[in-house]
Amino acid sequence: MKVLVDVGVGKAVETWLAAQGHDVLPLRNVDPRLPDAEVLSRALREGRLVMTMDKDFGELVYRMG
C-alpha cells in the first residue's frame, strides 16, 4: 500500500509501516508546511492513502468531492 504520512502521525508509525513493506512517504521529508489541499492532491495523484491526525482533512475531502 502507498501511504503519505502527515507530520503529526509520528516517526514510529512511519517506521512500522515501512517495516511491514508499505511504500511510505513521510510528509516531513517532502515539506512539513505543505497546505492540506496540496497534501491531498499529491496523495490522489500518486494513489496514496493519507494518514493524518488532522481533523480538517475530512471536511476537505468532502469539499473536494
PDB file of N, CA and C in Angstrom:
ATOM      1  N   MET A   1       0.850  -1.166   0.000  1.00  0.00           N
ATOM      2  CA  MET A   1       0.000   0.000   0.000  1.00  0.00           C
ATOM      3  C   MET A   1       0.902   1.236   0.000  1.00  0.00           C
ATOM      4  N   LYS A   2       0.484   2.256  -0.728  1.00  0.00           N
ATOM      5  CA  LYS A   2       1.214   3.520  -0.778  1.00  0.00           C
ATOM      6  C   LYS A   2       0.568   4.484   0.213  1.00  0.00           C
ATOM      7  N   VAL A   3       1.381   5.019   1.115  1.00  0.00           N
ATOM      8  CA  VAL A   3       0.865   5.859   2.193  1.00  0.00           C
ATOM      9  C   VAL A   3       1.643   7.162   2.269  1.00  0.00           C
ATOM     10  N   LEU A   4       0.916   8.273   2.359  1.00  0.00           N
ATOM     11  CA  LEU A   4       1.517   9.571   2.641  1.00  0.00           C
ATOM     12  C   LEU A   4       1.217   9.851   4.115  1.00  0.00           C
ATOM     13  N   VAL A   5       2.259   9.947   4.930  1.00  0.00           N
ATOM     14  CA  VAL A   5       2.094  10.104   6.374  1.00  0.00           C
ATOM     15  C   VAL A   5       2.299  11.567   6.748  1.00  0.00           C
ATOM     16  N   ASP A   6       1.255  12.157   7.316  1.00  0.00           N
ATOM     17  CA  ASP A   6       1.292  13.555   7.737  1.00  0.00           C
ATOM     18  C   ASP A   6       2.228  13.718   8.937  1.00  0.00           C
ATOM     19  N   VAL A   7       2.684  14.931   9.144  1.00  0.00           N
ATOM     20  CA  VAL A   7       3.678  15.242  10.171  1.00  0.00           C
ATOM     21  C   VAL A   7       3.235  14.830  11.574  1.00  0.00           C
ATOM     22  N   GLY A   8       1.983  15.038  11.928  1.00  0.00           N
ATOM     23  CA  GLY A   8       1.515  14.767  13.283  1.00  0.00           C
ATOM     24  C   GLY A   8       1.408  13.301  13.648  1.00  0.00           C
ATOM     25  N   VAL A   9       1.553  12.414  12.691  1.00  0.00           N
ATOM     26  CA  VAL A   9       1.381  10.984  12.954  1.00  0.00           C
ATOM     27  C   VAL A   9       2.562  10.411  13.728  1.00  0.00           C
ATOM     28  N   GLY A  10       3.755  10.784  13.369  1.00  0.00           N
ATOM     29  CA  GLY A  10       4.928  10.341  14.123  1.00  0.00           C
ATOM     30  C   GLY A  10       5.799   9.345  13.378  1.00  0.00           C
ATOM     31  N   LYS A  11       7.085   9.405  13.705  1.00  0.00           N
ATOM     32  CA  LYS A  11       8.079   8.559  13.038  1.00  0.00           C
ATOM     33  C   LYS A  11       7.903   7.083  13.351  1.00  0.00           C
ATOM     34  N   ALA A  12       7.421   6.765  14.554  1.00  0.00           N
ATOM     35  CA  ALA A  12       7.255   5.350  14.919  1.00  0.00           C
ATOM     36  C   ALA A  12       6.266   4.667  13.972  1.00  0.00           C
ATOM     37  N   VAL A  13       5.203   5.357  13.615  1.00  0.00           N
ATOM     38  CA  VAL A  13       4.210   4.801  12.689  1.00  0.00           C
ATOM     39  C   VAL A  13       4.824   4.668  11.298  1.00  0.00           C
ATOM     40  N   GLU A  14       5.564   5.688  10.866  1.00  0.00           N
ATOM     41  CA  GLU A  14       6.237   5.630   9.560  1.00  0.00           C
ATOM     42  C   GLU A  14       7.159   4.414   9.492  1.00  0.00           C
ATOM     43  N   THR A  15       7.947   4.226  10.537  1.00  0.00           N
ATOM     44  CA  THR A  15       8.904   3.122  10.595  1.00  0.00           C
ATOM     45  C   THR A  15       8.189   1.778  10.570  1.00  0.00           C
ATOM     46  N   TRP A  16       7.120   1.657  11.344  1.00  0.00           N
ATOM     47  CA  TRP A  16       6.365   0.408  11.401  1.00  0.00           C
ATOM     48  C   TRP A  16       5.751   0.081  10.043  1.00  0.00           C
ATOM     49  N   LEU A  17       5.134   1.072   9.408  1.00  0.00           N
ATOM     50  CA  LEU A  17       4.520   0.847   8.093  1.00  0.00           C
ATOM     51  C   LEU A  17       5.565   0.390   7.076  1.00  0.00           C
ATOM     52  N   ALA A  18       6.713   1.046   7.075  1.00  0.00           N
ATOM     53  CA  ALA A  18       7.787   0.674   6.149  1.00  0.00           C
ATOM     54  C   ALA A  18       8.273  -0.750   6.432  1.00  0.00           C
ATOM     55  N   ALA A  19       8.378  -1.111   7.704  1.00  0.00           N
ATOM     56  CA  ALA A  19       8.817  -2.455   8.078  1.00  0.00           C
ATOM     57  C   ALA A  19       7.816  -3.521   7.630  1.00  0.00           C
ATOM     58  N   GLN A  20       6.565  -3.137   7.481  1.00  0.00           N
ATOM     59  CA  GLN A  20       5.523  -4.056   7.010  1.00  0.00           C
ATOM     60  C   GLN A  20       5.506  -4.154   5.483  1.00  0.00           C
ATOM     61  N   GLY A  21       6.390  -3.397   4.828  1.00  0.00           N
ATOM     62  CA  GLY A  21       6.517  -3.479   3.377  1.00  0.00           C
ATOM     63  C   GLY A  21       5.737  -2.438   2.592  1.00  0.00           C
ATOM     64  N   HIS A  22       5.173  -1.458   3.291  1.00  0.00           N
ATOM     65  CA  HIS A  22       4.406  -0.420   2.609  1.00  0.00           C
ATOM     66  C   HIS A  22       5.328   0.651   2.035  1.00  0.00           C
ATOM     67  N   ASP A  23       4.876   1.298   0.981  1.00  0.00           N
ATOM     68  CA  ASP A  23       5.588   2.403   0.343  1.00  0.00           C
ATOM     69  C   ASP A  23       5.200   3.673   1.105  1.00  0.00           C
ATOM     70  N   VAL A  24       6.058   4.099   2.016  1.00  0.00           N
ATOM     71  CA  VAL A  24       5.752   5.206   2.925  1.00  0.00           C
ATOM     72  C   VAL A  24       6.446   6.483   2.463  1.00  0.00           C
ATOM     73  N   LEU A  25       5.664   7.544   2.336  1.00  0.00           N
ATOM     74  CA  LEU A  25       6.201   8.865   2.019  1.00  0.00           C
ATOM     75  C   LEU A  25       5.874   9.788   3.191  1.00  0.00           C
ATOM     76  N   PRO A  26       6.849  10.037   4.072  1.00  0.00           N
ATOM     77  CA  PRO A  26       6.606  10.945   5.194  1.00  0.00           C
ATOM     78  C   PRO A  26       6.562  12.391   4.696  1.00  0.00           C
ATOM     79  N   LEU A  27       5.521  13.095   5.048  1.00  0.00           N
ATOM     80  CA  LEU A  27       5.394  14.492   4.641  1.00  0.00           C
ATOM     81  C   LEU A  27       6.550  15.324   5.189  1.00  0.00           C
ATOM     82  N   ARG A  28       7.088  14.927   6.333  1.00  0.00           N
ATOM     83  CA  ARG A  28       8.223  15.660   6.914  1.00  0.00           C
ATOM     84  C   ARG A  28       9.420  15.670   5.967  1.00  0.00           C
ATOM     85  N   ASN A  29       9.523  14.676   5.075  1.00  0.00           N
ATOM     86  CA  ASN A  29      10.625  14.609   4.111  1.00  0.00           C
ATOM     87  C   ASN A  29      10.327  15.381   2.834  1.00  0.00           C
ATOM     88  N   VAL A  30       9.075  15.759   2.631  1.00  0.00           N
ATOM     89  CA  VAL A  30       8.668  16.485   1.431  1.00  0.00           C
ATOM     90  C   VAL A  30       8.633  17.976   1.738  1.00  0.00           C
ATOM     91  N   ASP A  31       7.670  18.376   2.558  1.00  0.00           N
ATOM     92  CA  ASP A  31       7.522  19.762   3.005  1.00  0.00           C
ATOM     93  C   ASP A  31       6.521  19.761   4.150  1.00  0.00           C
ATOM     94  N   PRO A  32       6.999  19.830   5.380  1.00  0.00           N
ATOM     95  CA  PRO A  32       6.100  19.752   6.532  1.00  0.00           C
ATOM     96  C   PRO A  32       5.076  20.883   6.596  1.00  0.00           C
ATOM     97  N   ARG A  33       5.281  21.943   5.834  1.00  0.00           N
ATOM     98  CA  ARG A  33       4.339  23.080   5.844  1.00  0.00           C
ATOM     99  C   ARG A  33       3.405  23.077   4.637  1.00  0.00           C
ATOM    100  N   LEU A  34       3.392  21.995   3.884  1.00  0.00           N
ATOM    101  CA  LEU A  34       2.544  21.899   2.698  1.00  0.00           C
ATOM    102  C   LEU A  34       1.074  22.039   3.103  1.00  0.00           C
ATOM    103  N   PRO A  35       0.331  22.927   2.437  1.00  0.00           N
ATOM    104  CA  PRO A  35      -1.094  23.093   2.768  1.00  0.00           C
ATOM    105  C   PRO A  35      -1.874  21.785   2.567  1.00  0.00           C
ATOM    106  N   ASP A  36      -2.899  21.596   3.377  1.00  0.00           N
ATOM    107  CA  ASP A  36      -3.687  20.360   3.340  1.00  0.00           C
ATOM    108  C   ASP A  36      -4.204  20.025   1.946  1.00  0.00           C
ATOM    109  N   ALA A  37      -4.682  21.022   1.213  1.00  0.00           N
ATOM    110  CA  ALA A  37      -5.215  20.771  -0.132  1.00  0.00           C
ATOM    111  C   ALA A  37      -4.131  20.206  -1.050  1.00  0.00           C
ATOM    112  N   GLU A  38      -2.905  20.680  -0.910  1.00  0.00           N
ATOM    113  CA  GLU A  38      -1.805  20.172  -1.732  1.00  0.00           C
ATOM    114  C   GLU A  38      -1.395  18.767  -1.302  1.00  0.00           C
ATOM    115  N   VAL A  39      -1.484  18.500   0.000  1.00  0.00           N
ATOM    116  CA  VAL A  39      -1.200  17.152   0.506  1.00  0.00           C
ATOM    117  C   VAL A  39      -2.185  16.169  -0.119  1.00  0.00           C
ATOM    118  N   LEU A  40      -3.454  16.519  -0.079  1.00  0.00           N
ATOM    119  CA  LEU A  40      -4.486  15.646  -0.632  1.00  0.00           C
ATOM    120  C   LEU A  40      -4.326  15.483  -2.142  1.00  0.00           C
ATOM    121  N   SER A  41      -4.022  16.559  -2.846  1.00  0.00           N
ATOM    122  CA  SER A  41      -3.821  16.484  -4.298  1.00  0.00           C
ATOM    123  C   SER A  41      -2.660  15.566  -4.650  1.00  0.00           C
ATOM    124  N   ARG A  42      -1.572  15.681  -3.902  1.00  0.00           N
ATOM    125  CA  ARG A  42      -0.416  14.825  -4.172  1.00  0.00           C
ATOM    126  C   ARG A  42      -0.757  13.362  -3.912  1.00  0.00           C
ATOM    127  N   ALA A  43      -1.456  13.111  -2.822  1.00  0.00           N
ATOM    128  CA  ALA A  43      -1.846  11.738  -2.499  1.00  0.00           C
ATOM    129  C   ALA A  43      -2.732  11.154  -3.598  1.00  0.00           C
ATOM    130  N   LEU A  44      -3.677  11.930  -4.078  1.00  0.00           N
ATOM    131  CA  LEU A  44      -4.554  11.463  -5.155  1.00  0.00           C
ATOM    132  C   LEU A  44      -3.763  11.192  -6.430  1.00  0.00           C
ATOM    133  N   ARG A  45      -2.858  12.103  -6.763  1.00  0.00           N
ATOM    134  CA  ARG A  45      -2.034  11.972  -7.967  1.00  0.00           C
ATOM    135  C   ARG A  45      -1.182  10.702  -7.914  1.00  0.00           C
ATOM    136  N   GLU A  46      -0.663  10.384  -6.721  1.00  0.00           N
ATOM    137  CA  GLU A  46       0.249   9.248  -6.571  1.00  0.00           C
ATOM    138  C   GLU A  46      -0.451   7.971  -6.111  1.00  0.00           C
ATOM    139  N   GLY A  47      -1.767   8.037  -5.924  1.00  0.00           N
ATOM    140  CA  GLY A  47      -2.510   6.862  -5.470  1.00  0.00           C
ATOM    141  C   GLY A  47      -2.168   6.450  -4.053  1.00  0.00           C
ATOM    142  N   ARG A  48      -1.971   7.450  -3.187  1.00  0.00           N
ATOM    143  CA  ARG A  48      -1.592   7.182  -1.799  1.00  0.00           C
ATOM    144  C   ARG A  48      -2.742   7.424  -0.833  1.00  0.00           C
ATOM    145  N   LEU A  49      -2.798   6.615   0.189  1.00  0.00           N
ATOM    146  CA  LEU A  49      -3.683   6.833   1.314  1.00  0.00           C
ATOM    147  C   LEU A  49      -3.044   7.914   2.184  1.00  0.00           C
ATOM    148  N   VAL A  50      -3.838   8.832   2.711  1.00  0.00           N
ATOM    149  CA  VAL A  50      -3.304   9.862   3.610  1.00  0.00           C
ATOM    150  C   VAL A  50      -3.549   9.420   5.041  1.00  0.00           C
ATOM    151  N   MET A  51      -2.484   9.334   5.816  1.00  0.00           N
ATOM    152  CA  MET A  51      -2.599   9.031   7.234  1.00  0.00           C
ATOM    153  C   MET A  51      -2.303  10.325   7.987  1.00  0.00           C
ATOM    154  N   THR A  52      -3.298  10.800   8.739  1.00  0.00           N
ATOM    155  CA  THR A  52      -3.158  12.085   9.415  1.00  0.00           C
ATOM    156  C   THR A  52      -3.897  12.084  10.743  1.00  0.00           C
ATOM    157  N   MET A  53      -3.534  12.992  11.602  1.00  0.00           N
ATOM    158  CA  MET A  53      -4.244  13.231  12.859  1.00  0.00           C
ATOM    159  C   MET A  53      -5.056  14.518  12.745  1.00  0.00           C
ATOM    160  N   ASP A  54      -5.011  15.152  11.594  1.00  0.00           N
ATOM    161  CA  ASP A  54      -5.649  16.447  11.342  1.00  0.00           C
ATOM    162  C   ASP A  54      -7.131  16.253  11.029  1.00  0.00           C
ATOM    163  N   LYS A  55      -7.991  16.727  11.900  1.00  0.00           N
ATOM    164  CA  LYS A  55      -9.441  16.567  11.734  1.00  0.00           C
ATOM    165  C   LYS A  55      -9.978  17.320  10.518  1.00  0.00           C
ATOM    166  N   ASP A  56      -9.264  18.324  10.045  1.00  0.00           N
ATOM    167  CA  ASP A  56      -9.722  19.131   8.911  1.00  0.00           C
ATOM    168  C   ASP A  56      -9.760  18.354   7.596  1.00  0.00           C
ATOM    169  N   PHE A  57      -9.050  17.249   7.507  1.00  0.00           N
ATOM    170  CA  PHE A  57      -9.000  16.508   6.253  1.00  0.00           C
ATOM    171  C   PHE A  57     -10.359  15.959   5.846  1.00  0.00           C
ATOM    172  N   GLY A  58     -11.167  15.533   6.794  1.00  0.00           N
ATOM    173  CA  GLY A  58     -12.498  15.018   6.467  1.00  0.00           C
ATOM    174  C   GLY A  58     -13.335  16.050   5.741  1.00  0.00           C
ATOM    175  N   GLU A  59     -13.328  17.265   6.237  1.00  0.00           N
ATOM    176  CA  GLU A  59     -14.077  18.349   5.596  1.00  0.00           C
ATOM    177  C   GLU A  59     -13.486  18.671   4.227  1.00  0.00           C
ATOM    178  N   LEU A  60     -12.167  18.669   4.132  1.00  0.00           N
ATOM    179  CA  LEU A  60     -11.501  18.963   2.862  1.00  0.00           C
ATOM    180  C   LEU A  60     -11.869  17.920   1.802  1.00  0.00           C
ATOM    181  N   VAL A  61     -11.854  16.661   2.173  1.00  0.00           N
ATOM    182  CA  VAL A  61     -12.216  15.591   1.238  1.00  0.00           C
ATOM    183  C   VAL A  61     -13.663  15.768   0.794  1.00  0.00           C
ATOM    184  N   TYR A  62     -14.535  16.102   1.722  1.00  0.00           N
ATOM    185  CA  TYR A  62     -15.949  16.316   1.400  1.00  0.00           C
ATOM    186  C   TYR A  62     -16.105  17.463   0.396  1.00  0.00           C
ATOM    187  N   ARG A  63     -15.389  18.570   0.628  1.00  0.00           N
ATOM    188  CA  ARG A  63     -15.488  19.738  -0.262  1.00  0.00           C
ATOM    189  C   ARG A  63     -14.907  19.462  -1.638  1.00  0.00           C
ATOM    190  N   MET A  64     -13.822  18.689  -1.693  1.00  0.00           N
ATOM    191  CA  MET A  64     -13.162  18.416  -2.973  1.00  0.00           C
ATOM    192  C   MET A  64     -13.914  17.357  -3.780  1.00  0.00           C
ATOM    193  N   GLY A  65     -14.825  16.659  -3.126  1.00  0.00           N
ATOM    194  CA  GLY A  65     -15.644  15.662  -3.830  1.00  0.00           C
ATOM    195  C   GLY A  65     -14.935  14.383  -3.975  1.00  0.00           C
TER     196      GLY A  65
END
